[in-house]
Amino acid sequence: MEQLVQNSRGIKRIVVGQETSDGAGVRLTRVIGGAQLPQFDPFLLLDHFVSDDPDDYIGGFPPHPHRGFETVTYLLAGQVEHRDNAGHTGLLETGGVQWMTAGRGVIHSEMPQQQDGLLSGFQLWVNLPSGQKMVAPRYQEFDREAIPREQRSDGVELRVVAGQTSRQTTGPVSELATPALFYDITLPADSWFSEPLPPAYNGFVYLIEGSVSIDGTKLEGGSLAVLDQGESVEITAQESSRLLLVAGQPLNEPIARRGPFVMNSEAELQQAFSDYQEGRF
């Protein structure tokens, strides 16, 4: 068995997402960004969408603006096309990720490229520090094959999207203004997983499916565990399970947020709306 790390993180609270719709009627579960957990510095939103009914997703997300943060789209199944007002296009397919830095402003769309079948994935919003909110937009896009896999004992497998594990597996998403890690972890039944986390980072586990325990507290599929502070996380799987482990450096800055814009003051928000309405994105 792998060596235990001292000061393991427990569960501070468990959050069950709220079913809602966004875009042009896309049905999803909002886990961060709703009434239970409005934000978790530096994370502003976590949506989980999963359906094999095209009526739940076919409308997609027609053109809409963003400023002041990053959007992370991680696709478990299906195909989604991205387009923006600067002429950038990309096709996100099963197992791929797009880490978009909206910065000073982008107008983009995210549209399913399938008429039927399963569409499943996540969108995470990561706040940008005040000094980086008006940087030029950029994209980091990687397909399934570009995301490294790390095999551990008992059949445990990590897909490392961002950050570096204790075994030096490094995700392709890099040079983040807000330091963060993003792991997709598969745990066979009765397996055990342990990993150090930077003590200053806020972290959470979102259980996609299965049943696990963290520091003796049980977590069921579809639930998010806000982790206490500590030096590591230790997870035991009661059954075959899959989860996201995400952590990031808190910014500890004021947040002024309305719709698609996240700034530090009301004046900056008003400027964002003015810039968008006057075509300066």
Protein backbone atom coordinates (compact mmCIF):
# COMPACT_ATOMS: atom_id res chain seq x y z
CA MET A 1 0.00 0.00 0.00
CA GLU A 2 1.17 3.53 -0.76
CA GLN A 3 2.56 5.55 2.14
CA LEU A 4 0.07 7.69 4.00
CA VAL A 5 0.58 11.44 3.91
CA GLN A 6 0.15 13.40 7.14
CA ASN A 7 -2.67 15.88 7.73
CA SER A 8 -5.16 14.45 5.27
CA ARG A 9 -8.08 16.68 4.29
CA GLY A 10 -11.54 15.83 5.49
CA ILE A 11 -14.88 16.95 4.08
CA LYS A 12 -15.98 20.42 5.18
CA ARG A 13 -19.40 20.13 3.55
CA ILE A 14 -21.25 18.13 0.89
CA VAL A 15 -23.14 19.92 -1.86
CA VAL A 16 -25.78 18.37 -4.12
CA GLY A 17 -26.28 20.33 -7.33
CA GLN A 18 -29.50 21.92 -8.51
CA GLU A 19 -31.10 20.99 -11.83
CA THR A 20 -31.51 23.97 -14.12
CA SER A 21 -31.15 25.00 -17.74
CA ASP A 22 -28.85 27.45 -19.50
CA GLY A 23 -28.01 28.56 -23.00
CA ALA A 24 -30.79 27.62 -25.42
CA GLY A 25 -32.48 25.22 -23.03
CA VAL A 26 -29.57 22.92 -22.16
CA ARG A 27 -30.50 20.87 -19.09
CA LEU A 28 -27.71 20.60 -16.54
CA THR A 29 -26.89 20.34 -12.85
CA ARG A 30 -25.31 23.43 -11.27
CA VAL A 31 -23.06 22.41 -8.40
CA ILE A 32 -21.00 25.58 -7.84
CA GLY A 33 -22.68 28.88 -8.65
CA GLY A 34 -26.08 28.06 -7.16
CA ALA A 35 -27.73 28.84 -3.86
CA GLN A 36 -25.92 26.12 -1.90
CA LEU A 37 -22.42 27.10 -3.00
CA PRO A 38 -22.37 30.47 -4.83
CA GLN A 39 -18.58 30.32 -5.23
CA PHE A 40 -15.52 28.59 -3.81
CA ASP A 41 -12.51 30.83 -4.38
CA PRO A 42 -11.08 30.72 -7.05
CA PHE A 43 -13.93 28.66 -8.56
CA LEU A 44 -17.06 30.49 -9.67
CA LEU A 45 -19.19 27.79 -11.30
CA LEU A 46 -19.32 24.05 -11.93
CA ASP A 47 -21.99 22.66 -14.25
CA HIS A 48 -22.45 18.96 -15.02
CA PHE A 49 -24.40 18.11 -18.15
CA VAL A 50 -25.29 14.56 -19.11
CA SER A 51 -28.14 13.27 -21.29
CA ASP A 52 -28.79 10.94 -24.21
CA ASP A 53 -31.98 12.88 -25.07
CA PRO A 54 -31.15 15.47 -27.76
CA ASP A 55 -33.99 17.68 -26.56
CA ASP A 56 -31.89 18.28 -23.43
CA TYR A 57 -28.85 19.64 -25.26
CA ILE A 58 -29.42 20.25 -28.98
CA GLY A 59 -29.99 24.02 -28.53
CA GLY A 60 -26.48 24.41 -27.16
CA PHE A 61 -25.02 27.74 -26.13
CA PRO A 62 -25.43 30.31 -28.93
CA PRO A 63 -23.09 33.36 -29.03
CA HIS A 64 -22.60 34.96 -25.60
CA PRO A 65 -19.88 37.14 -24.00
CA HIS A 66 -17.41 36.60 -21.15
CA ARG A 67 -14.89 38.82 -19.39
CA GLY A 68 -12.64 38.44 -16.36
CA PHE A 69 -12.32 34.67 -15.86
CA GLU A 70 -11.54 31.32 -17.50
CA THR A 71 -13.95 28.64 -18.69
CA VAL A 72 -12.91 25.00 -18.62
CA THR A 73 -14.97 22.62 -20.76
CA TYR A 74 -14.15 18.95 -20.17
CA LEU A 75 -16.07 16.49 -22.30
CA LEU A 76 -16.72 12.91 -21.19
CA ALA A 77 -18.83 11.96 -24.22
CA GLY A 78 -19.99 13.63 -27.41
CA GLN A 79 -18.87 16.47 -29.66
CA VAL A 80 -19.09 20.25 -29.16
CA GLU A 81 -17.94 22.93 -31.59
CA HIS A 82 -16.59 26.25 -30.33
CA ARG A 83 -16.57 29.49 -32.34
CA ASP A 84 -15.72 33.04 -31.31
CA ASN A 85 -15.92 36.56 -32.71
CA ALA A 86 -12.18 36.61 -33.49
CA GLY A 87 -12.50 33.70 -35.92
CA HIS A 88 -11.26 30.94 -33.63
CA THR A 89 -12.97 27.56 -34.06
CA GLY A 90 -12.38 24.20 -32.45
CA LEU A 91 -14.05 20.82 -32.11
CA LEU A 92 -14.09 19.31 -28.65
CA GLU A 93 -14.60 15.53 -28.67
CA THR A 94 -14.87 12.76 -26.07
CA GLY A 95 -12.07 13.02 -23.53
CA GLY A 96 -10.90 16.46 -24.65
CA VAL A 97 -10.58 19.76 -22.81
CA GLN A 98 -10.75 23.43 -23.70
CA TRP A 99 -9.30 25.87 -21.15
CA MET A 100 -10.34 29.31 -22.38
CA THR A 101 -8.99 32.52 -20.87
CA ALA A 102 -11.70 35.08 -21.63
CA GLY A 103 -9.58 37.93 -20.31
CA ARG A 104 -10.69 41.34 -21.58
CA GLY A 105 -13.54 39.87 -23.59
CA VAL A 106 -14.69 37.21 -26.00
CA ILE A 107 -18.01 36.37 -27.64
CA HIS A 108 -18.29 32.68 -28.30
CA SER A 109 -20.69 29.82 -28.91
CA GLU A 110 -20.61 26.16 -27.87
CA MET A 111 -22.83 23.98 -30.03
CA PRO A 112 -23.30 20.18 -29.94
CA GLN A 113 -22.21 18.50 -33.18
CA GLN A 114 -24.53 15.50 -32.88
CA GLN A 115 -28.21 14.92 -33.45
CA ASP A 116 -28.55 12.09 -30.94
CA GLY A 117 -26.54 9.98 -28.51
CA LEU A 118 -24.92 10.77 -25.18
CA LEU A 119 -23.54 14.23 -24.43
CA SER A 120 -21.74 14.42 -21.09
CA GLY A 121 -19.24 16.74 -19.51
CA PHE A 122 -18.47 19.70 -17.29
CA GLN A 123 -17.92 23.41 -17.41
CA LEU A 124 -15.85 24.99 -14.66
CA TRP A 125 -15.28 28.74 -14.25
CA VAL A 126 -11.97 29.82 -12.69
CA ASN A 127 -11.59 33.41 -11.55
CA LEU A 128 -8.69 35.53 -12.81
CA PRO A 129 -6.65 37.76 -10.49
CA SER A 130 -7.29 41.48 -10.82
CA GLY A 131 -4.05 42.07 -12.73
CA GLN A 132 -4.98 39.48 -15.36
CA LYS A 133 -8.65 40.22 -15.98
CA MET A 134 -7.96 42.34 -19.07
CA VAL A 135 -5.37 40.13 -20.77
CA ALA A 136 -5.84 39.07 -24.38
CA PRO A 137 -8.08 36.01 -24.77
CA ARG A 138 -6.36 32.69 -25.40
CA TYR A 139 -7.19 29.00 -25.70
CA GLN A 140 -5.56 25.80 -24.56
CA GLU A 141 -7.26 22.90 -26.35
CA PHE A 142 -6.21 19.28 -26.10
CA ASP A 143 -7.76 16.07 -27.36
CA ARG A 144 -8.04 12.82 -25.43
CA GLU A 145 -4.67 11.50 -26.55
CA ALA A 146 -2.85 14.64 -25.37
CA ILE A 147 -4.04 14.22 -21.76
CA PRO A 148 -1.58 11.92 -19.96
CA ARG A 149 -2.71 8.90 -17.97
CA GLU A 150 -1.07 7.78 -14.75
CA GLN A 151 -1.54 4.19 -13.55
CA ARG A 152 -1.33 3.35 -9.87
CA SER A 153 -1.74 0.26 -7.74
CA ASP A 154 -5.12 -1.50 -7.44
CA GLY A 155 -6.05 -0.33 -10.96
CA VAL A 156 -6.38 3.35 -9.99
CA GLU A 157 -6.00 5.64 -13.03
CA LEU A 158 -5.59 9.42 -13.27
CA ARG A 159 -6.08 11.59 -16.33
CA VAL A 160 -4.08 14.73 -15.59
CA VAL A 161 -5.57 17.79 -17.31
CA ALA A 162 -3.72 20.48 -15.33
CA GLY A 163 -1.15 20.43 -12.57
CA GLN A 164 1.54 17.92 -11.70
CA THR A 165 1.03 14.80 -9.57
CA SER A 166 3.39 13.55 -6.88
CA ARG A 167 4.68 11.10 -9.50
CA GLN A 168 5.56 13.94 -11.86
CA THR A 169 2.79 13.38 -14.40
CA THR A 170 2.09 16.84 -15.81
CA GLY A 171 -1.10 17.98 -17.50
CA PRO A 172 -0.96 19.77 -20.87
CA VAL A 173 -2.78 22.87 -19.61
CA SER A 174 -0.06 25.19 -18.32
CA GLU A 175 0.97 28.76 -17.46
CA LEU A 176 -2.24 29.46 -15.60
CA ALA A 177 -2.79 32.93 -14.14
CA THR A 178 -4.63 31.25 -11.26
CA PRO A 179 -2.61 28.15 -10.30
CA ALA A 180 -4.83 25.05 -10.30
CA LEU A 181 -4.90 21.30 -10.75
CA PHE A 182 -7.57 19.22 -12.47
CA TYR A 183 -7.55 15.40 -12.26
CA ASP A 184 -10.06 12.85 -13.59
CA ILE A 185 -9.69 9.75 -11.41
CA THR A 186 -11.07 6.23 -11.90
CA LEU A 187 -11.14 3.96 -8.83
CA PRO A 188 -11.99 0.25 -8.94
CA ALA A 189 -14.06 -1.14 -6.08
CA ASP A 190 -12.16 -1.40 -2.77
CA SER A 191 -9.21 0.63 -4.07
CA TRP A 192 -7.45 3.43 -2.21
CA PHE A 193 -5.96 6.67 -3.49
CA SER A 194 -3.77 9.26 -1.80
CA GLU A 195 -2.26 12.44 -3.23
CA PRO A 196 -0.59 15.51 -1.72
CA LEU A 197 -2.28 18.85 -2.39
CA PRO A 198 -0.69 22.29 -2.01
CA PRO A 199 -1.77 23.34 1.51
CA ALA A 200 -2.76 26.84 0.36
CA TYR A 201 -5.13 25.55 -2.34
CA ASN A 202 -8.88 25.26 -1.92
CA GLY A 203 -10.01 21.88 -3.24
CA PHE A 204 -13.07 19.81 -3.99
CA VAL A 205 -14.02 16.33 -5.14
CA TYR A 206 -16.97 15.87 -7.48
CA LEU A 207 -18.11 12.25 -7.61
CA ILE A 208 -19.35 11.49 -11.12
CA GLU A 209 -20.44 7.96 -10.29
CA GLY A 210 -20.00 5.35 -7.60
CA SER A 211 -19.47 5.64 -3.84
CA VAL A 212 -16.33 6.68 -1.94
CA SER A 213 -15.27 7.79 1.51
CA ILE A 214 -12.95 10.66 2.38
CA ASP A 215 -11.56 10.70 5.90
CA GLY A 216 -14.39 8.36 6.94
CA THR A 217 -17.22 10.40 5.40
CA LYS A 218 -19.20 8.79 2.60
CA LEU A 219 -19.79 10.57 -0.70
CA GLU A 220 -22.36 9.40 -3.23
CA GLY A 221 -22.44 9.91 -7.00
CA GLY A 222 -23.55 13.36 -8.14
CA SER A 223 -22.31 15.08 -4.98
CA LEU A 224 -19.47 17.54 -4.39
CA ALA A 225 -17.26 17.45 -1.32
CA VAL A 226 -15.71 20.75 -0.27
CA LEU A 227 -12.41 19.73 1.32
CA ASP A 228 -10.93 21.07 4.53
CA GLN A 229 -7.43 22.48 4.49
CA GLY A 230 -4.58 20.02 4.76
CA GLU A 231 -1.60 18.52 2.97
CA SER A 232 -3.24 15.62 1.13
CA VAL A 233 -6.46 13.91 0.16
CA GLU A 234 -7.15 10.19 0.75
CA ILE A 235 -10.07 8.44 -0.94
CA THR A 236 -11.38 4.89 -0.56
CA ALA A 237 -13.79 3.48 -3.13
CA GLN A 238 -16.68 1.33 -1.87
CA GLU A 239 -17.53 0.47 -5.48
CA SER A 240 -16.22 1.26 -8.93
CA SER A 241 -16.13 5.06 -9.02
CA ARG A 242 -15.08 8.06 -11.10
CA LEU A 243 -14.45 11.55 -9.80
CA LEU A 244 -12.92 14.93 -10.46
CA LEU A 245 -10.30 16.24 -8.03
CA VAL A 246 -9.88 19.99 -8.53
CA ALA A 247 -7.92 22.50 -6.45
CA GLY A 248 -6.69 26.04 -6.93
CA GLN A 249 -4.99 29.00 -5.33
CA PRO A 250 -7.60 31.29 -3.72
CA LEU A 251 -7.35 34.90 -4.84
CA ASN A 252 -8.87 36.55 -1.76
CA GLU A 253 -10.04 39.48 -3.86
CA PRO A 254 -13.41 41.26 -4.04
CA ILE A 255 -15.80 39.81 -6.62
CA ALA A 256 -18.26 41.86 -8.62
CA ARG A 257 -20.26 39.42 -10.73
CA ARG A 258 -23.22 39.72 -13.02
CA GLY A 259 -24.16 37.27 -15.74
CA PRO A 260 -21.18 36.58 -18.02
CA PHE A 261 -18.82 39.13 -16.42
CA VAL A 262 -16.71 38.73 -13.26
CA MET A 263 -14.70 41.77 -12.15
CA ASN A 264 -13.52 43.33 -8.88
CA SER A 265 -15.81 46.37 -8.67
CA GLU A 266 -19.20 47.62 -9.77
CA ALA A 267 -17.51 50.26 -11.95
CA GLU A 268 -15.57 47.54 -13.80
CA LEU A 269 -18.79 45.61 -14.31
CA GLN A 270 -20.50 48.65 -15.79
CA GLN A 271 -17.51 49.15 -18.09
CA ALA A 272 -17.76 45.52 -19.22
CA PHE A 273 -21.42 45.91 -20.17
CA SER A 274 -20.67 49.19 -21.94
CA ASP A 275 -17.77 47.69 -23.89
CA TYR A 276 -19.89 44.72 -24.96
CA GLN A 277 -22.87 46.82 -25.99
CA GLU A 278 -20.66 49.19 -27.99
CA GLY A 279 -18.86 46.40 -29.84
CA ARG A 280 -15.47 46.67 -28.15
CA PHE A 281 -15.09 42.92 -27.43
